[in-house]
Amino acid sequence: MGEALRSANRKRKASPLVVGMADMAVSDNPEKVIVTYALGSCIALVLYDPVRKAAGMLHYMLPLSQTNPKKAKSNPAMFADTGVPLLFKKMFELGCRRENLVVKAAGGGSITDEKGVFNIGKRNHTVLKKILWKNDIHISAEDVGGKRSRTVHIYVKDGLTVVSSRGREEEL
């Protein structure tokens, strides 16, 4: 963890709520920071409602659930087309309103697919954009693609979203 993030953690006194691969979390507890580690081709979708002061994060692995409907039923967070609607639903259950949501995304790299044979990261990003576009939802900031792993933090208190990669941290 870089110095900027350590400093932010100290100032905010936030305790981590870790989102694993094919997982999601939502919170309206201002003492929490939602974090996911080692995004390669996976994508972290981050939602924040500044009015309700609630945040959510989805770490999905694959674009479409039709590749494994049984797995999608048991773990919808694994896929973009089942996980994204579920994340929005969970945020709405916290009292968030669609028109207040700030949407950000990170990941979608091609770390182990050097020749671009599978393009999972790019497909993950394309499907996300299509889902959001069909629902007239716009991404306010993103850090996607490339050949690097990313870690993403969102502070529930104020929505500060930080992407860390290769020793560098940037606000998203």
C-alpha atoms as a PDB file:
ATOM      1  CA  MET A   1       0.000   0.000   0.000  1.00  0.00           C
ATOM      2  CA  GLY A   2       1.365   3.372  -1.011  1.00  0.00           C
ATOM      3  CA  GLU A   3       1.882   6.299   1.321  1.00  0.00           C
ATOM      4  CA  ALA A   4      -1.060   8.263  -0.115  1.00  0.00           C
ATOM      5  CA  LEU A   5      -3.431   5.384   0.587  1.00  0.00           C
ATOM      6  CA  ARG A   6      -1.998   4.796   4.075  1.00  0.00           C
ATOM      7  CA  SER A   7      -2.482   8.483   4.779  1.00  0.00           C
ATOM      8  CA  ALA A   8      -6.056   8.371   3.462  1.00  0.00           C
ATOM      9  CA  ASN A   9      -6.789   5.328   5.645  1.00  0.00           C
ATOM     10  CA  ARG A  10      -5.416   7.067   8.739  1.00  0.00           C
ATOM     11  CA  LYS A  11      -7.349  10.266   8.070  1.00  0.00           C
ATOM     12  CA  ARG A  12     -10.561   8.430   7.342  1.00  0.00           C
ATOM     13  CA  LYS A  13     -10.205   5.705  10.002  1.00  0.00           C
ATOM     14  CA  ALA A  14     -11.744   3.263   7.541  1.00  0.00           C
ATOM     15  CA  SER A  15     -11.783  -0.475   8.050  1.00  0.00           C
ATOM     16  CA  PRO A  16     -11.707  -2.643   4.924  1.00  0.00           C
ATOM     17  CA  LEU A  17     -14.605  -4.573   3.500  1.00  0.00           C
ATOM     18  CA  VAL A  18     -12.869  -6.911   1.024  1.00  0.00           C
ATOM     19  CA  VAL A  19     -14.549  -7.941  -2.205  1.00  0.00           C
ATOM     20  CA  GLY A  20     -13.075 -11.134  -3.624  1.00  0.00           C
ATOM     21  CA  MET A  21     -13.151 -12.321  -7.189  1.00  0.00           C
ATOM     22  CA  ALA A  22     -16.741 -12.961  -8.367  1.00  0.00           C
ATOM     23  CA  ASP A  23     -18.015 -11.114  -5.314  1.00  0.00           C
ATOM     24  CA  MET A  24     -19.716  -7.863  -4.354  1.00  0.00           C
ATOM     25  CA  ALA A  25     -20.375  -5.704  -1.333  1.00  0.00           C
ATOM     26  CA  VAL A  26     -22.466  -2.643  -0.485  1.00  0.00           C
ATOM     27  CA  SER A  27     -22.297  -0.461   2.598  1.00  0.00           C
ATOM     28  CA  ASP A  28     -23.634   2.729   4.077  1.00  0.00           C
ATOM     29  CA  ASN A  29     -21.215   2.594   7.014  1.00  0.00           C
ATOM     30  CA  PRO A  30     -18.922   5.661   6.794  1.00  0.00           C
ATOM     31  CA  GLU A  31     -16.233   3.760   8.707  1.00  0.00           C
ATOM     32  CA  LYS A  32     -15.752   1.313   5.800  1.00  0.00           C
ATOM     33  CA  VAL A  33     -13.581   1.250   2.716  1.00  0.00           C
ATOM     34  CA  ILE A  34     -14.595  -1.319   0.111  1.00  0.00           C
ATOM     35  CA  VAL A  35     -11.562  -2.833  -1.613  1.00  0.00           C
ATOM     36  CA  THR A  36     -10.777  -5.421  -4.247  1.00  0.00           C
ATOM     37  CA  TYR A  37      -7.321  -6.664  -5.173  1.00  0.00           C
ATOM     38  CA  ALA A  38      -5.489  -7.893  -8.255  1.00  0.00           C
ATOM     39  CA  LEU A  39      -7.872  -6.998 -11.069  1.00  0.00           C
ATOM     40  CA  GLY A  40      -6.491  -8.440 -14.272  1.00  0.00           C
ATOM     41  CA  SER A  41      -9.076  -9.086 -16.961  1.00  0.00           C
ATOM     42  CA  CYS A  42     -11.771  -8.820 -14.278  1.00  0.00           C
ATOM     43  CA  ILE A  43     -13.574  -5.529 -13.783  1.00  0.00           C
ATOM     44  CA  ALA A  44     -14.501  -3.700 -10.617  1.00  0.00           C
ATOM     45  CA  LEU A  45     -17.694  -1.717 -11.006  1.00  0.00           C
ATOM     46  CA  VAL A  46     -17.989   0.930  -8.290  1.00  0.00           C
ATOM     47  CA  LEU A  47     -21.179   2.797  -7.400  1.00  0.00           C
ATOM     48  CA  TYR A  48     -21.512   5.697  -5.005  1.00  0.00           C
ATOM     49  CA  ASP A  49     -24.550   7.683  -3.913  1.00  0.00           C
ATOM     50  CA  PRO A  50     -23.362  11.021  -2.477  1.00  0.00           C
ATOM     51  CA  VAL A  51     -26.814  11.828  -1.097  1.00  0.00           C
ATOM     52  CA  ARG A  52     -27.348   8.523   0.704  1.00  0.00           C
ATOM     53  CA  LYS A  53     -23.600   8.179   1.474  1.00  0.00           C
ATOM     54  CA  ALA A  54     -23.511   4.556   0.333  1.00  0.00           C
ATOM     55  CA  ALA A  55     -21.078   2.646  -1.859  1.00  0.00           C
ATOM     56  CA  GLY A  56     -20.991  -0.665  -3.640  1.00  0.00           C
ATOM     57  CA  MET A  57     -18.493  -2.694  -5.600  1.00  0.00           C
ATOM     58  CA  LEU A  58     -18.739  -5.694  -7.917  1.00  0.00           C
ATOM     59  CA  HIS A  59     -15.674  -7.696  -8.995  1.00  0.00           C
ATOM     60  CA  TYR A  60     -16.822  -9.767 -11.959  1.00  0.00           C
ATOM     61  CA  MET A  61     -14.764 -12.226 -13.968  1.00  0.00           C
ATOM     62  CA  LEU A  62     -16.618 -12.888 -17.208  1.00  0.00           C
ATOM     63  CA  PRO A  63     -18.931 -10.956 -19.499  1.00  0.00           C
ATOM     64  CA  LEU A  64     -21.860 -13.286 -20.162  1.00  0.00           C
ATOM     65  CA  SER A  65     -23.627 -15.822 -17.960  1.00  0.00           C
ATOM     66  CA  GLN A  66     -24.752 -17.920 -20.917  1.00  0.00           C
ATOM     67  CA  THR A  67     -21.337 -19.595 -20.830  1.00  0.00           C
ATOM     68  CA  ASN A  68     -22.320 -21.268 -17.545  1.00  0.00           C
ATOM     69  CA  PRO A  69     -25.952 -20.695 -16.478  1.00  0.00           C
ATOM     70  CA  LYS A  70     -25.616 -23.039 -13.487  1.00  0.00           C
ATOM     71  CA  LYS A  71     -22.663 -21.061 -12.135  1.00  0.00           C
ATOM     72  CA  ALA A  72     -24.478 -17.781 -12.837  1.00  0.00           C
ATOM     73  CA  LYS A  73     -27.447 -18.944 -10.803  1.00  0.00           C
ATOM     74  CA  SER A  74     -25.289 -19.897  -7.816  1.00  0.00           C
ATOM     75  CA  ASN A  75     -22.955 -16.869  -8.102  1.00  0.00           C
ATOM     76  CA  PRO A  76     -24.352 -14.032 -10.231  1.00  0.00           C
ATOM     77  CA  ALA A  77     -21.408 -11.783  -9.240  1.00  0.00           C
ATOM     78  CA  MET A  78     -19.174 -13.870 -11.505  1.00  0.00           C
ATOM     79  CA  PHE A  79     -20.686 -12.390 -14.679  1.00  0.00           C
ATOM     80  CA  ALA A  80     -21.321  -8.842 -15.896  1.00  0.00           C
ATOM     81  CA  ASP A  81     -24.825  -9.494 -17.190  1.00  0.00           C
ATOM     82  CA  THR A  82     -26.040 -10.949 -13.886  1.00  0.00           C
ATOM     83  CA  GLY A  83     -23.773  -9.129 -11.420  1.00  0.00           C
ATOM     84  CA  VAL A  84     -24.279  -5.555 -12.626  1.00  0.00           C
ATOM     85  CA  PRO A  85     -28.083  -5.587 -12.186  1.00  0.00           C
ATOM     86  CA  LEU A  86     -27.657  -7.269  -8.802  1.00  0.00           C
ATOM     87  CA  LEU A  87     -25.238  -4.563  -7.611  1.00  0.00           C
ATOM     88  CA  PHE A  88     -27.716  -1.849  -8.587  1.00  0.00           C
ATOM     89  CA  LYS A  89     -30.507  -3.769  -6.816  1.00  0.00           C
ATOM     90  CA  LYS A  90     -28.429  -4.006  -3.613  1.00  0.00           C
ATOM     91  CA  MET A  91     -27.715  -0.265  -3.753  1.00  0.00           C
ATOM     92  CA  PHE A  92     -31.421   0.497  -4.214  1.00  0.00           C
ATOM     93  CA  GLU A  93     -32.155  -1.701  -1.184  1.00  0.00           C
ATOM     94  CA  LEU A  94     -29.921   0.675   0.824  1.00  0.00           C
ATOM     95  CA  GLY A  95     -32.137   3.559  -0.261  1.00  0.00           C
ATOM     96  CA  CYS A  96     -29.932   4.825  -3.085  1.00  0.00           C
ATOM     97  CA  ARG A  97     -31.507   6.506  -6.074  1.00  0.00           C
ATOM     98  CA  ARG A  98     -30.482   5.825  -9.643  1.00  0.00           C
ATOM     99  CA  GLU A  99     -30.172   9.505 -10.534  1.00  0.00           C
ATOM    100  CA  ASN A 100     -27.691  10.092  -7.696  1.00  0.00           C
ATOM    101  CA  LEU A 101     -25.331   7.218  -8.486  1.00  0.00           C
ATOM    102  CA  VAL A 102     -21.770   7.942  -9.558  1.00  0.00           C
ATOM    103  CA  VAL A 103     -20.474   5.025 -11.643  1.00  0.00           C
ATOM    104  CA  LYS A 104     -16.800   4.118 -12.043  1.00  0.00           C
ATOM    105  CA  ALA A 105     -14.940   1.099 -13.438  1.00  0.00           C
ATOM    106  CA  ALA A 106     -11.420  -0.320 -13.350  1.00  0.00           C
ATOM    107  CA  GLY A 107      -9.671  -3.434 -14.629  1.00  0.00           C
ATOM    108  CA  GLY A 108     -10.306  -5.188 -17.918  1.00  0.00           C
ATOM    109  CA  GLY A 109      -6.637  -5.697 -18.685  1.00  0.00           C
ATOM    110  CA  SER A 110      -4.938  -8.342 -20.797  1.00  0.00           C
ATOM    111  CA  ILE A 111      -2.243  -9.440 -18.403  1.00  0.00           C
ATOM    112  CA  THR A 112      -1.900 -13.126 -19.303  1.00  0.00           C
ATOM    113  CA  ASP A 113      -3.415 -12.967 -22.806  1.00  0.00           C
ATOM    114  CA  GLU A 114      -0.383 -11.462 -24.557  1.00  0.00           C
ATOM    115  CA  LYS A 115      -1.603 -12.296 -28.075  1.00  0.00           C
ATOM    116  CA  GLY A 116      -5.151 -11.146 -27.425  1.00  0.00           C
ATOM    117  CA  VAL A 117      -6.636 -14.551 -28.249  1.00  0.00           C
ATOM    118  CA  PHE A 118      -9.414 -14.413 -25.660  1.00  0.00           C
ATOM    119  CA  ASN A 119      -9.700 -10.655 -25.036  1.00  0.00           C
ATOM    120  CA  ILE A 120     -11.623 -11.323 -21.790  1.00  0.00           C
ATOM    121  CA  GLY A 121     -10.771  -7.901 -20.357  1.00  0.00           C
ATOM    122  CA  LYS A 122     -11.921  -6.076 -23.464  1.00  0.00           C
ATOM    123  CA  ARG A 123     -15.083  -8.193 -23.682  1.00  0.00           C
ATOM    124  CA  ASN A 124     -15.781  -7.556 -19.981  1.00  0.00           C
ATOM    125  CA  HIS A 125     -15.556  -3.819 -20.583  1.00  0.00           C
ATOM    126  CA  THR A 126     -17.660  -3.915 -23.769  1.00  0.00           C
ATOM    127  CA  VAL A 127     -20.484  -5.831 -22.088  1.00  0.00           C
ATOM    128  CA  LEU A 128     -20.427  -3.452 -19.102  1.00  0.00           C
ATOM    129  CA  LYS A 129     -20.717  -0.429 -21.391  1.00  0.00           C
ATOM    130  CA  LYS A 130     -23.600  -2.057 -23.281  1.00  0.00           C
ATOM    131  CA  ILE A 131     -25.500  -2.892 -20.083  1.00  0.00           C
ATOM    132  CA  LEU A 132     -25.093   0.644 -18.778  1.00  0.00           C
ATOM    133  CA  TRP A 133     -25.861   2.244 -22.153  1.00  0.00           C
ATOM    134  CA  LYS A 134     -29.106   0.252 -22.478  1.00  0.00           C
ATOM    135  CA  ASN A 135     -30.116   1.647 -19.090  1.00  0.00           C
ATOM    136  CA  ASP A 136     -29.004   5.211 -19.874  1.00  0.00           C
ATOM    137  CA  ILE A 137     -26.306   5.099 -17.198  1.00  0.00           C
ATOM    138  CA  HIS A 138     -22.958   6.750 -17.842  1.00  0.00           C
ATOM    139  CA  ILE A 139     -19.538   5.915 -16.434  1.00  0.00           C
ATOM    140  CA  SER A 140     -18.088   9.043 -14.837  1.00  0.00           C
ATOM    141  CA  ALA A 141     -14.521   7.690 -14.629  1.00  0.00           C
ATOM    142  CA  GLU A 142     -12.662   4.547 -15.585  1.00  0.00           C
ATOM    143  CA  ASP A 143      -9.209   3.003 -15.679  1.00  0.00           C
ATOM    144  CA  VAL A 144      -9.422  -0.006 -17.988  1.00  0.00           C
ATOM    145  CA  GLY A 145      -7.300  -2.009 -20.400  1.00  0.00           C
ATOM    146  CA  GLY A 146      -3.574  -2.275 -20.612  1.00  0.00           C
ATOM    147  CA  LYS A 147      -1.328  -4.942 -19.192  1.00  0.00           C
ATOM    148  CA  ARG A 148      -1.303  -4.194 -15.484  1.00  0.00           C
ATOM    149  CA  SER A 149      -3.051  -5.434 -12.395  1.00  0.00           C
ATOM    150  CA  ARG A 150      -5.087  -2.995 -10.313  1.00  0.00           C
ATOM    151  CA  THR A 151      -6.392  -2.677  -6.768  1.00  0.00           C
ATOM    152  CA  VAL A 152      -9.435  -0.474  -6.148  1.00  0.00           C
ATOM    153  CA  HIS A 153     -10.601   1.224  -2.928  1.00  0.00           C
ATOM    154  CA  ILE A 154     -13.791   3.236  -2.422  1.00  0.00           C
ATOM    155  CA  TYR A 155     -14.371   5.104   0.826  1.00  0.00           C
ATOM    156  CA  VAL A 156     -18.015   4.948   1.874  1.00  0.00           C
ATOM    157  CA  LYS A 157     -17.727   8.224   3.797  1.00  0.00           C
ATOM    158  CA  ASP A 158     -17.216  10.383   0.705  1.00  0.00           C
ATOM    159  CA  GLY A 159     -16.882   8.172  -2.376  1.00  0.00           C
ATOM    160  CA  LEU A 160     -13.151   8.731  -2.833  1.00  0.00           C
ATOM    161  CA  THR A 161     -12.105   6.018  -5.278  1.00  0.00           C
ATOM    162  CA  VAL A 162      -8.418   5.138  -5.540  1.00  0.00           C
ATOM    163  CA  VAL A 163      -6.828   2.812  -8.106  1.00  0.00           C
ATOM    164  CA  SER A 164      -3.410   1.388  -7.225  1.00  0.00           C
ATOM    165  CA  SER A 165      -1.090  -0.261  -9.716  1.00  0.00           C
ATOM    166  CA  ARG A 166       2.643  -0.853  -9.826  1.00  0.00           C
ATOM    167  CA  GLY A 167       3.274   1.325  -6.778  1.00  0.00           C
ATOM    168  CA  ARG A 168       1.248   4.262  -8.118  1.00  0.00           C
ATOM    169  CA  GLU A 169      -2.077   5.495  -6.851  1.00  0.00           C
ATOM    170  CA  GLU A 170      -4.560   7.664  -8.652  1.00  0.00           C
ATOM    171  CA  GLU A 171      -7.952   8.986  -7.770  1.00  0.00           C
ATOM    172  CA  LEU A 172     -10.551   7.707 -10.177  1.00  0.00           C
END
